[in-house]
Amino acid sequence: MVTNAVVCWDTEYMGLAVGELCGAGREVDAEVLAHISPARSSGVNYYGSVTVDYEHELAQLGERGHRPLRAVAMDDPGAVGL
């Protein structure tokens, strides 16, 4: 059940990230979106436990209850070309 909650959370943030890109005028290729999955994220830990500093995490929430998205420079080797 916890894994499903994490996948749902990842899905929400992927949607926010795509919306942010579109809002900034970036073209988001539907072919790329068809091949991403929130279940294949480093945040999904199928076999272990996770320690969370709740106070720190809650302090980061914005007015709509979301944490801020991380800005990634396109020249970053980890950046995904959408």
Protein backbone atom coordinates (compact mmCIF):
# COMPACT_ATOMS: atom_id res chain seq x y z
CA MET A 1 0.00 0.00 0.00
CA VAL A 2 2.85 2.38 0.78
CA THR A 3 4.45 1.65 -2.59
CA ASN A 4 1.18 2.54 -4.31
CA ALA A 5 1.06 5.82 -2.37
CA VAL A 6 4.63 6.66 -3.48
CA VAL A 7 3.78 5.89 -7.12
CA CYS A 8 0.70 8.14 -6.88
CA TRP A 9 2.84 10.88 -5.35
CA ASP A 10 5.43 10.51 -8.12
CA THR A 11 2.64 10.68 -10.71
CA GLU A 12 1.38 13.96 -9.23
CA TYR A 13 4.84 15.51 -9.34
CA MET A 14 5.54 14.27 -12.88
CA GLY A 15 2.35 16.04 -13.93
CA LEU A 16 3.46 19.22 -12.18
CA ALA A 17 6.87 19.03 -13.88
CA VAL A 18 5.33 18.56 -17.34
CA GLY A 19 2.94 21.44 -16.65
CA GLU A 20 5.88 23.63 -15.61
CA LEU A 21 7.74 22.78 -18.82
CA CYS A 22 4.69 23.51 -20.99
CA GLY A 23 4.06 26.74 -19.10
CA ALA A 24 7.63 27.81 -19.83
CA GLY A 25 7.05 27.28 -23.55
CA ARG A 26 8.91 23.97 -23.82
CA GLU A 27 7.48 21.38 -26.18
CA VAL A 28 6.83 18.10 -24.37
CA ASP A 29 6.94 15.20 -26.79
CA ALA A 30 4.05 12.77 -26.22
CA GLU A 31 6.30 9.93 -27.46
CA VAL A 32 8.69 10.58 -24.57
CA LEU A 33 5.84 10.82 -22.05
CA ALA A 34 4.54 7.45 -23.22
CA HIS A 35 7.76 5.83 -21.99
CA ILE A 36 8.13 7.28 -18.52
CA SER A 37 6.78 5.60 -15.42
CA PRO A 38 6.43 6.86 -11.85
CA ALA A 39 7.09 3.31 -10.63
CA ARG A 40 10.63 3.40 -12.06
CA SER A 41 11.79 6.15 -9.76
CA SER A 42 14.62 6.15 -7.26
CA GLY A 43 12.02 7.26 -4.69
CA VAL A 44 10.27 3.89 -4.89
CA ASN A 45 11.90 1.59 -2.36
CA TYR A 46 10.31 -1.86 -2.67
CA TYR A 47 12.40 -3.69 -0.10
CA GLY A 48 13.56 -1.33 2.62
CA SER A 49 12.55 1.31 5.08
CA VAL A 50 12.66 5.06 4.71
CA THR A 51 13.38 7.60 7.42
CA VAL A 52 11.57 10.91 6.96
CA ASP A 53 12.09 14.18 8.84
CA TYR A 54 8.41 15.19 8.85
CA GLU A 55 9.00 18.67 10.27
CA HIS A 56 11.54 19.48 7.56
CA GLU A 57 9.31 18.08 4.80
CA LEU A 58 6.18 19.90 6.00
CA ALA A 59 8.11 23.18 6.20
CA GLN A 60 8.80 22.94 2.43
CA LEU A 61 5.15 22.73 1.37
CA GLY A 62 3.80 25.62 -0.68
CA GLU A 63 0.34 27.13 -0.49
CA ARG A 64 -1.16 24.30 -2.58
CA GLY A 65 0.49 21.58 -0.48
CA HIS A 66 3.27 20.69 -2.92
CA ARG A 67 7.02 20.79 -2.44
CA PRO A 68 8.86 23.05 -4.92
CA LEU A 69 10.07 21.43 -8.12
CA ARG A 70 13.82 21.22 -8.58
CA ALA A 71 15.25 23.32 -11.39
CA VAL A 72 17.54 21.32 -13.67
CA ALA A 73 19.82 22.94 -16.22
CA MET A 74 19.57 21.26 -19.62
CA ASP A 75 23.38 20.92 -19.70
CA ASP A 76 23.16 18.75 -16.56
CA PRO A 77 24.13 15.15 -17.48
CA GLY A 78 21.07 13.90 -15.57
CA ALA A 79 18.65 16.16 -17.45
CA VAL A 80 16.09 14.44 -19.62
CA GLY A 81 15.38 16.01 -23.00
CA LEU A 82 11.60 16.27 -23.13
